[in-house]
Amino acid sequence: MGFHLRKSIKLGKFFKINKTKKGYSITVGGKNLKFTLNDKKKLTASLPGTGISYDTNLGKKDSKK
């Protein structure tokens, strides 16, 4: 276990920017539906309070030869 510090900046009712030790993320949405995009080009859509979410990578897949 370690000590974690998260900084959040709310910009309006439905828009938030989070800064963590590992990077940034942007969250758009409210109580019914949320979309989160982080600096690793991963998009998460979730229904808060239900445990239902969907993750997808938006970046190109690396083709290794």
N, C-alpha and C. Protein backbone atom coordinates (compact mmCIF):
# COMPACT_ATOMS: atom_id res chain seq x y z
N MET A 1 0.84 -1.17 0.00
CA MET A 1 0.00 0.00 0.00
C MET A 1 0.88 1.23 0.00
N GLY A 2 0.36 2.26 -0.61
CA GLY A 2 1.10 3.50 -0.66
C GLY A 2 0.16 4.68 -0.52
N PHE A 3 0.75 5.83 -0.46
CA PHE A 3 0.00 7.07 -0.34
C PHE A 3 -0.31 7.58 -1.74
N HIS A 4 -1.58 7.90 -2.02
CA HIS A 4 -2.00 8.37 -3.33
C HIS A 4 -2.64 9.75 -3.18
N LEU A 5 -2.36 10.61 -4.12
CA LEU A 5 -2.92 11.95 -4.13
C LEU A 5 -3.54 12.20 -5.50
N ARG A 6 -4.79 12.58 -5.51
CA ARG A 6 -5.49 12.87 -6.76
C ARG A 6 -5.94 14.32 -6.73
N LYS A 7 -5.69 15.03 -7.81
CA LYS A 7 -6.15 16.40 -7.94
C LYS A 7 -7.22 16.43 -9.01
N SER A 8 -8.35 17.02 -8.70
CA SER A 8 -9.45 17.14 -9.63
C SER A 8 -9.83 18.60 -9.79
N ILE A 9 -10.13 18.97 -11.03
CA ILE A 9 -10.59 20.32 -11.32
C ILE A 9 -11.94 20.18 -12.02
N LYS A 10 -12.98 20.71 -11.40
CA LYS A 10 -14.31 20.67 -12.01
C LYS A 10 -14.49 21.92 -12.87
N LEU A 11 -14.90 21.70 -14.09
CA LEU A 11 -15.18 22.79 -15.03
C LEU A 11 -16.64 22.67 -15.44
N GLY A 12 -17.51 23.22 -14.65
CA GLY A 12 -18.93 23.09 -14.92
C GLY A 12 -19.52 21.88 -14.22
N LYS A 13 -20.77 21.61 -14.56
CA LYS A 13 -21.49 20.54 -13.88
C LYS A 13 -21.10 19.15 -14.37
N PHE A 14 -20.71 19.02 -15.65
CA PHE A 14 -20.50 17.70 -16.24
C PHE A 14 -19.08 17.45 -16.73
N PHE A 15 -18.12 18.29 -16.42
CA PHE A 15 -16.77 18.17 -16.98
C PHE A 15 -15.75 18.24 -15.86
N LYS A 16 -14.82 17.25 -15.80
CA LYS A 16 -13.81 17.22 -14.74
C LYS A 16 -12.49 16.73 -15.32
N ILE A 17 -11.38 17.35 -14.89
CA ILE A 17 -10.03 16.93 -15.26
C ILE A 17 -9.35 16.40 -14.01
N ASN A 18 -8.80 15.19 -14.10
CA ASN A 18 -8.12 14.54 -12.97
C ASN A 18 -6.63 14.45 -13.27
N LYS A 19 -5.79 14.74 -12.28
CA LYS A 19 -4.34 14.60 -12.38
C LYS A 19 -3.90 13.63 -11.32
N THR A 20 -3.26 12.54 -11.74
CA THR A 20 -2.72 11.56 -10.80
C THR A 20 -1.22 11.44 -11.05
N LYS A 21 -0.58 10.62 -10.27
CA LYS A 21 0.85 10.38 -10.42
C LYS A 21 1.16 9.76 -11.79
N LYS A 22 0.23 8.96 -12.31
CA LYS A 22 0.46 8.26 -13.57
C LYS A 22 0.03 9.03 -14.80
N GLY A 23 -0.73 10.11 -14.66
CA GLY A 23 -1.14 10.88 -15.83
C GLY A 23 -2.41 11.67 -15.62
N TYR A 24 -3.07 11.97 -16.74
CA TYR A 24 -4.27 12.78 -16.74
C TYR A 24 -5.46 11.97 -17.24
N SER A 25 -6.67 12.40 -16.86
CA SER A 25 -7.88 11.86 -17.44
C SER A 25 -8.93 12.96 -17.46
N ILE A 26 -9.84 12.85 -18.41
CA ILE A 26 -10.94 13.79 -18.57
C ILE A 26 -12.23 13.00 -18.43
N THR A 27 -13.14 13.49 -17.58
CA THR A 27 -14.42 12.83 -17.38
C THR A 27 -15.54 13.78 -17.78
N VAL A 28 -16.45 13.25 -18.60
CA VAL A 28 -17.62 14.01 -19.05
C VAL A 28 -18.85 13.20 -18.71
N GLY A 29 -19.82 13.81 -18.07
CA GLY A 29 -21.05 13.11 -17.75
C GLY A 29 -21.54 13.44 -16.36
N GLY A 30 -22.62 12.80 -15.99
CA GLY A 30 -23.24 13.07 -14.71
C GLY A 30 -23.60 11.80 -13.99
N LYS A 31 -24.77 11.82 -13.35
CA LYS A 31 -25.20 10.70 -12.53
C LYS A 31 -25.60 9.48 -13.34
N ASN A 32 -26.08 9.67 -14.57
CA ASN A 32 -26.62 8.56 -15.34
C ASN A 32 -25.63 7.91 -16.29
N LEU A 33 -24.70 8.66 -16.85
CA LEU A 33 -23.75 8.12 -17.81
C LEU A 33 -22.47 8.94 -17.77
N LYS A 34 -21.33 8.25 -17.73
CA LYS A 34 -20.02 8.91 -17.68
C LYS A 34 -19.14 8.39 -18.79
N PHE A 35 -18.32 9.29 -19.37
CA PHE A 35 -17.30 8.91 -20.33
C PHE A 35 -15.97 9.44 -19.81
N THR A 36 -14.95 8.57 -19.78
CA THR A 36 -13.63 8.97 -19.30
C THR A 36 -12.60 8.64 -20.37
N LEU A 37 -11.73 9.60 -20.65
CA LEU A 37 -10.64 9.44 -21.61
C LEU A 37 -9.35 9.77 -20.89
N ASN A 38 -8.38 8.83 -20.92
CA ASN A 38 -7.11 9.12 -20.23
C ASN A 38 -5.99 9.32 -21.24
N ASP A 39 -4.80 9.64 -20.75
CA ASP A 39 -3.67 9.96 -21.61
C ASP A 39 -3.12 8.75 -22.35
N LYS A 40 -3.57 7.56 -22.01
CA LYS A 40 -3.14 6.35 -22.72
C LYS A 40 -4.13 5.98 -23.82
N LYS A 41 -5.02 6.90 -24.18
CA LYS A 41 -6.02 6.73 -25.23
C LYS A 41 -6.95 5.57 -24.95
N LYS A 42 -7.41 5.50 -23.71
CA LYS A 42 -8.38 4.49 -23.30
C LYS A 42 -9.68 5.21 -22.95
N LEU A 43 -10.78 4.78 -23.54
CA LEU A 43 -12.09 5.37 -23.30
C LEU A 43 -12.92 4.39 -22.47
N THR A 44 -13.53 4.91 -21.41
CA THR A 44 -14.40 4.11 -20.56
C THR A 44 -15.77 4.77 -20.50
N ALA A 45 -16.82 4.01 -20.78
CA ALA A 45 -18.20 4.46 -20.62
C ALA A 45 -18.79 3.65 -19.48
N SER A 46 -19.45 4.33 -18.53
CA SER A 46 -19.98 3.60 -17.38
C SER A 46 -21.32 4.16 -16.94
N LEU A 47 -22.08 3.31 -16.29
CA LEU A 47 -23.33 3.69 -15.64
C LEU A 47 -23.06 3.68 -14.14
N PRO A 48 -22.83 4.85 -13.53
CA PRO A 48 -22.48 4.92 -12.11
C PRO A 48 -23.52 4.26 -11.22
N GLY A 49 -23.02 3.53 -10.23
CA GLY A 49 -23.88 2.89 -9.25
C GLY A 49 -24.36 1.51 -9.65
N THR A 50 -24.11 1.10 -10.91
CA THR A 50 -24.57 -0.21 -11.36
C THR A 50 -23.45 -1.22 -11.48
N GLY A 51 -22.22 -0.74 -11.61
CA GLY A 51 -21.09 -1.63 -11.83
C GLY A 51 -20.91 -2.01 -13.28
N ILE A 52 -21.70 -1.42 -14.17
CA ILE A 52 -21.63 -1.72 -15.60
C ILE A 52 -20.73 -0.68 -16.28
N SER A 53 -19.72 -1.18 -17.03
CA SER A 53 -18.85 -0.27 -17.76
C SER A 53 -18.31 -0.97 -19.00
N TYR A 54 -17.82 -0.17 -19.94
CA TYR A 54 -17.23 -0.67 -21.18
C TYR A 54 -15.95 0.09 -21.44
N ASP A 55 -14.84 -0.62 -21.70
CA ASP A 55 -13.54 -0.03 -21.97
C ASP A 55 -13.12 -0.33 -23.40
N THR A 56 -12.45 0.62 -24.03
CA THR A 56 -11.89 0.39 -25.36
C THR A 56 -10.65 1.25 -25.53
N ASN A 57 -9.69 0.76 -26.31
CA ASN A 57 -8.50 1.52 -26.63
C ASN A 57 -8.74 2.27 -27.94
N LEU A 58 -8.37 3.55 -27.97
CA LEU A 58 -8.58 4.38 -29.15
C LEU A 58 -7.35 4.48 -30.03
N GLY A 59 -6.19 4.11 -29.50
CA GLY A 59 -4.94 4.22 -30.27
C GLY A 59 -4.79 3.09 -31.25
N LYS A 60 -3.79 3.24 -32.11
CA LYS A 60 -3.49 2.19 -33.08
C LYS A 60 -2.87 1.00 -32.38
N LYS A 61 -3.17 -0.18 -32.87
CA LYS A 61 -2.55 -1.38 -32.32
C LYS A 61 -1.16 -1.52 -32.92
N ASP A 62 -0.20 -1.84 -32.08
CA ASP A 62 1.18 -2.03 -32.54
C ASP A 62 1.29 -3.37 -33.25
N SER A 63 1.82 -3.36 -34.45
CA SER A 63 2.05 -4.62 -35.15
C SER A 63 3.51 -4.99 -34.98
N LYS A 64 3.75 -6.08 -34.27
CA LYS A 64 5.12 -6.53 -34.01
C LYS A 64 5.50 -7.58 -35.04
N LYS A 65 6.67 -7.42 -35.57
CA LYS A 65 7.16 -8.37 -36.61
C LYS A 65 8.23 -9.25 -36.04
